[in-house]
């Protein structure tokens, strides 16, 4: 395989860490996967999304439910570099069995999320499985990655906040994001879908008014 692709997260492949231990891979969705370490049974869950904005692959993985790593694919896609270790692909030639990409609906772009403190985060960009939110009070930027685990039928979201703080959220509904630190992000506006609906309603009212 040349360059990282969705086939790199296909079921059947394995990844070998620097110590020589191997992680067996299972694809659980169009952008989600699971690793199980041979010999120990340790489990890791991840998301791999190609941003339509910068064409870069954003790969996140969580070990033991609490250690979050961002992995950087090598040029040929056969190695994933983490903060303190690298994983090398042992390919079986397997291809992704999920033909369709995730469709995140409604689109998050234009939506507002309000945290417990009342601070509002506005989603300025959302394409495919990547999005950005800006805190409307202090202009901090949060980078998000989202994929749908089709085996569990829920969304997996990684939020990268300033200060190298990464949080993983699993939710059946993107309207509510329960962060692991106890905070809750609640969607308080629908974004593009709602904006389009409002425009259509205004257009319809105008047309009715013009007829009379």
Protein backbone atom coordinates (compact mmCIF):
# COMPACT_ATOMS: atom_id res chain seq x y z
CA UNK A 1 0.00 0.00 0.00
CA UNK A 2 1.28 3.45 -0.95
CA UNK A 3 0.35 6.25 1.40
CA UNK A 4 -2.00 5.91 4.35
CA UNK A 5 -5.60 5.05 3.44
CA UNK A 6 -8.71 3.55 4.97
CA UNK A 7 -7.35 0.13 3.99
CA UNK A 8 -4.69 0.56 6.68
CA UNK A 9 -7.38 0.17 9.37
CA UNK A 10 -8.90 -2.94 7.76
CA UNK A 11 -9.56 -6.10 9.74
CA UNK A 12 -6.71 -8.60 9.58
CA UNK A 13 -3.70 -6.30 9.70
CA UNK A 14 -1.52 -6.02 12.78
CA UNK A 15 0.81 -3.31 14.08
CA UNK A 16 4.07 -4.00 15.90
CA UNK A 17 5.31 -1.60 18.56
CA UNK A 18 8.98 -0.86 19.26
CA UNK A 19 9.27 -3.59 21.90
CA UNK A 20 8.18 -6.20 19.37
CA UNK A 21 4.71 -6.72 20.81
CA UNK A 22 1.97 -6.98 18.21
CA UNK A 23 -1.51 -5.47 18.13
CA UNK A 24 -4.19 -7.31 16.11
CA UNK A 25 -6.58 -5.00 14.29
CA UNK A 26 -10.35 -5.10 13.66
CA UNK A 27 -12.19 -2.43 11.69
CA UNK A 28 -15.40 -1.39 13.46
CA UNK A 29 -16.65 1.36 11.15
CA UNK A 30 -15.75 3.38 8.07
CA UNK A 31 -13.30 5.38 10.19
CA UNK A 32 -13.00 3.41 13.45
CA UNK A 33 -10.90 0.45 14.53
CA UNK A 34 -9.86 -1.67 17.50
CA UNK A 35 -6.49 -3.11 18.48
CA UNK A 36 -5.93 -6.05 20.83
CA UNK A 37 -2.41 -6.70 22.07
CA UNK A 38 -1.35 -10.31 21.60
CA UNK A 39 -0.39 -12.03 24.83
CA UNK A 40 -1.89 -9.46 27.18
CA UNK A 41 -5.36 -8.81 25.78
CA UNK A 42 -4.96 -5.05 26.21
CA UNK A 43 -7.46 -3.15 24.09
CA UNK A 44 -7.14 0.13 22.21
CA UNK A 45 -9.76 1.96 20.16
CA UNK A 46 -9.07 4.48 17.41
CA UNK A 47 -10.35 6.77 14.69
CA UNK A 48 -8.67 7.57 11.35
CA UNK A 49 -10.06 10.44 9.29
CA UNK A 50 -8.69 12.29 6.28
CA UNK A 51 -9.38 16.00 6.54
CA UNK A 52 -10.91 17.47 3.39
CA UNK A 53 -9.42 20.80 4.41
CA UNK A 54 -5.72 19.89 4.48
CA UNK A 55 -5.86 16.32 3.02
CA UNK A 56 -3.93 15.08 6.05
CA UNK A 57 -4.85 11.94 7.95
CA UNK A 58 -5.81 12.48 11.58
CA UNK A 59 -5.35 9.26 13.53
CA UNK A 60 -6.22 9.04 17.22
CA UNK A 61 -6.10 6.02 19.50
CA UNK A 62 -6.94 5.39 23.16
CA UNK A 63 -5.16 2.70 25.16
CA UNK A 64 -6.81 1.13 28.23
CA UNK A 65 -9.69 3.66 28.00
CA UNK A 66 -7.59 6.52 29.38
CA UNK A 67 -4.38 7.15 27.42
CA UNK A 68 -4.96 9.18 24.25
CA UNK A 69 -2.36 9.32 21.50
CA UNK A 70 -2.32 11.15 18.21
CA UNK A 71 -0.52 9.04 15.60
CA UNK A 72 1.24 10.44 12.54
CA UNK A 73 1.36 8.16 9.46
CA UNK A 74 4.66 7.85 7.59
CA UNK A 75 4.84 8.85 3.92
CA UNK A 76 4.17 5.27 2.79
CA UNK A 77 1.53 4.77 5.48
CA UNK A 78 3.20 1.69 6.89
CA UNK A 79 4.23 3.23 10.20
CA UNK A 80 2.32 5.23 12.81
CA UNK A 81 4.44 7.49 15.00
CA UNK A 82 3.16 8.24 18.48
CA UNK A 83 4.49 10.47 21.29
CA UNK A 84 6.90 7.82 22.60
CA UNK A 85 6.64 4.80 20.31
CA UNK A 86 6.10 3.84 16.68
CA UNK A 87 3.92 1.07 15.26
CA UNK A 88 4.88 -0.77 12.07
CA UNK A 89 2.28 -2.37 9.83
CA UNK A 90 2.27 -6.10 9.18
CA UNK A 91 -0.07 -6.22 6.21
CA UNK A 92 -2.23 -9.16 5.18
CA UNK A 93 -3.36 -7.38 2.03
CA UNK A 94 -6.82 -6.89 3.52
CA UNK A 95 -9.05 -4.08 2.28
CA UNK A 96 -11.64 -2.05 4.12
CA UNK A 97 -15.06 -3.73 4.10
CA UNK A 98 -16.83 -0.43 4.75
CA UNK A 99 -17.41 1.06 1.31
CA UNK A 100 -19.28 4.19 2.35
CA UNK A 101 -17.76 7.02 4.36
CA UNK A 102 -19.49 8.27 7.48
CA UNK A 103 -22.19 10.87 6.87
CA UNK A 104 -22.36 13.08 9.92
CA UNK A 105 -25.84 14.63 10.05
CA UNK A 106 -26.80 17.30 10.75
CA UNK A 107 -23.61 19.04 9.67
CA UNK A 108 -21.84 20.56 12.67
CA UNK A 109 -20.62 23.62 10.79
CA UNK A 110 -22.37 26.74 12.06
CA UNK A 111 -23.61 25.01 15.22
CA UNK A 112 -23.01 26.29 18.74
CA UNK A 113 -22.09 24.12 21.72
CA UNK A 114 -22.56 25.53 25.22
CA UNK A 115 -20.51 24.11 28.09
CA UNK A 116 -21.59 23.96 31.74
CA UNK A 117 -20.03 27.35 32.52
CA UNK A 118 -22.15 28.98 29.83
CA UNK A 119 -19.21 29.51 27.46
CA UNK A 120 -20.14 29.00 23.81
CA UNK A 121 -18.05 27.16 21.21
CA UNK A 122 -18.95 27.93 17.58
CA UNK A 123 -18.18 25.31 14.92
CA UNK A 124 -16.44 27.24 12.14
CA UNK A 125 -15.54 24.30 9.91
CA UNK A 126 -16.81 20.77 9.36
CA UNK A 127 -16.05 18.50 6.43
CA UNK A 128 -16.07 14.74 6.52
CA UNK A 129 -14.84 13.61 9.91
CA UNK A 130 -12.96 16.74 10.99
CA UNK A 131 -14.21 19.99 12.46
CA UNK A 132 -13.06 23.07 14.38
CA UNK A 133 -14.71 24.96 17.22
CA UNK A 134 -13.83 28.44 18.48
CA UNK A 135 -14.56 29.63 22.02
CA UNK A 136 -16.57 32.83 21.56
CA UNK A 137 -15.19 34.35 24.76
CA UNK A 138 -11.42 33.85 24.52
CA UNK A 139 -11.03 32.66 20.90
CA UNK A 140 -9.43 29.34 21.86
CA UNK A 141 -9.61 26.79 19.04
CA UNK A 142 -10.56 23.15 19.51
CA UNK A 143 -9.85 20.63 16.75
CA UNK A 144 -12.29 17.73 16.51
CA UNK A 145 -12.23 14.34 14.81
CA UNK A 146 -15.36 12.18 14.58
CA UNK A 147 -16.18 8.73 13.23
CA UNK A 148 -19.03 6.29 13.73
CA UNK A 149 -18.41 2.89 15.31
CA UNK A 150 -20.97 0.83 13.42
CA UNK A 151 -20.59 -2.18 15.68
CA UNK A 152 -21.67 -0.16 18.74
CA UNK A 153 -23.81 2.28 16.70
CA UNK A 154 -22.35 5.38 18.32
CA UNK A 155 -20.05 8.25 17.45
CA UNK A 156 -16.45 8.47 18.62
CA UNK A 157 -15.21 12.04 19.01
CA UNK A 158 -11.71 13.29 19.81
CA UNK A 159 -11.44 16.90 20.97
CA UNK A 160 -8.00 18.55 20.95
CA UNK A 161 -7.95 21.62 23.18
CA UNK A 162 -5.08 24.13 23.57
CA UNK A 163 -2.36 23.02 25.99
CA UNK A 164 -2.09 19.54 24.47
CA UNK A 165 -5.32 18.39 26.12
CA UNK A 166 -7.14 15.61 24.25
CA UNK A 167 -10.49 14.18 25.28
CA UNK A 168 -12.39 11.22 23.86
CA UNK A 169 -16.19 11.18 23.84
CA UNK A 170 -18.52 8.35 22.86
CA UNK A 171 -22.12 9.31 22.18
CA UNK A 172 -25.20 8.08 20.35
CA UNK A 173 -26.22 11.68 19.63
CA UNK A 174 -23.85 14.50 18.69
CA UNK A 175 -26.24 16.98 20.31
CA UNK A 176 -24.68 16.15 23.68
CA UNK A 177 -20.98 15.58 24.34
CA UNK A 178 -20.23 14.29 27.84
CA UNK A 179 -16.56 15.08 28.39
CA UNK A 180 -14.51 12.80 30.68
CA UNK A 181 -13.69 15.76 32.98
CA UNK A 182 -17.37 16.08 33.91
CA UNK A 183 -18.16 18.99 31.61
CA UNK A 184 -20.98 18.69 29.08
CA UNK A 185 -21.12 20.36 25.67
CA UNK A 186 -24.73 20.78 24.56
CA UNK A 187 -25.59 21.79 21.01
CA UNK A 188 -27.70 24.93 21.32
CA UNK A 189 -28.05 25.68 17.60
CA UNK A 190 -28.36 23.31 14.67
CA UNK A 191 -25.88 24.88 12.29
CA UNK A 192 -26.16 24.72 8.51
CA UNK A 193 -29.20 22.44 8.40
CA UNK A 194 -31.20 24.82 10.60
CA UNK A 195 -29.90 27.90 8.77
CA UNK A 196 -31.07 26.41 5.45
CA UNK A 197 -34.47 25.59 6.93
CA UNK A 198 -34.84 29.16 8.22
CA UNK A 199 -33.91 30.57 4.80
CA UNK A 200 -36.41 28.25 3.07
CA UNK A 201 -39.16 29.32 5.47
CA UNK A 202 -38.40 33.01 4.90
CA UNK A 203 -38.40 32.43 1.13
CA UNK A 204 -41.73 30.62 1.33
CA UNK A 205 -43.29 33.42 3.40
CA UNK A 206 -42.01 36.03 0.94
CA UNK A 207 -43.46 34.12 -2.02
CA UNK A 208 -46.84 33.87 -0.30
CA UNK A 209 -46.75 37.59 0.51
CA UNK A 210 -45.90 38.46 -3.11
CA UNK A 211 -48.89 36.46 -4.36
CA UNK A 212 -51.34 38.50 -2.26
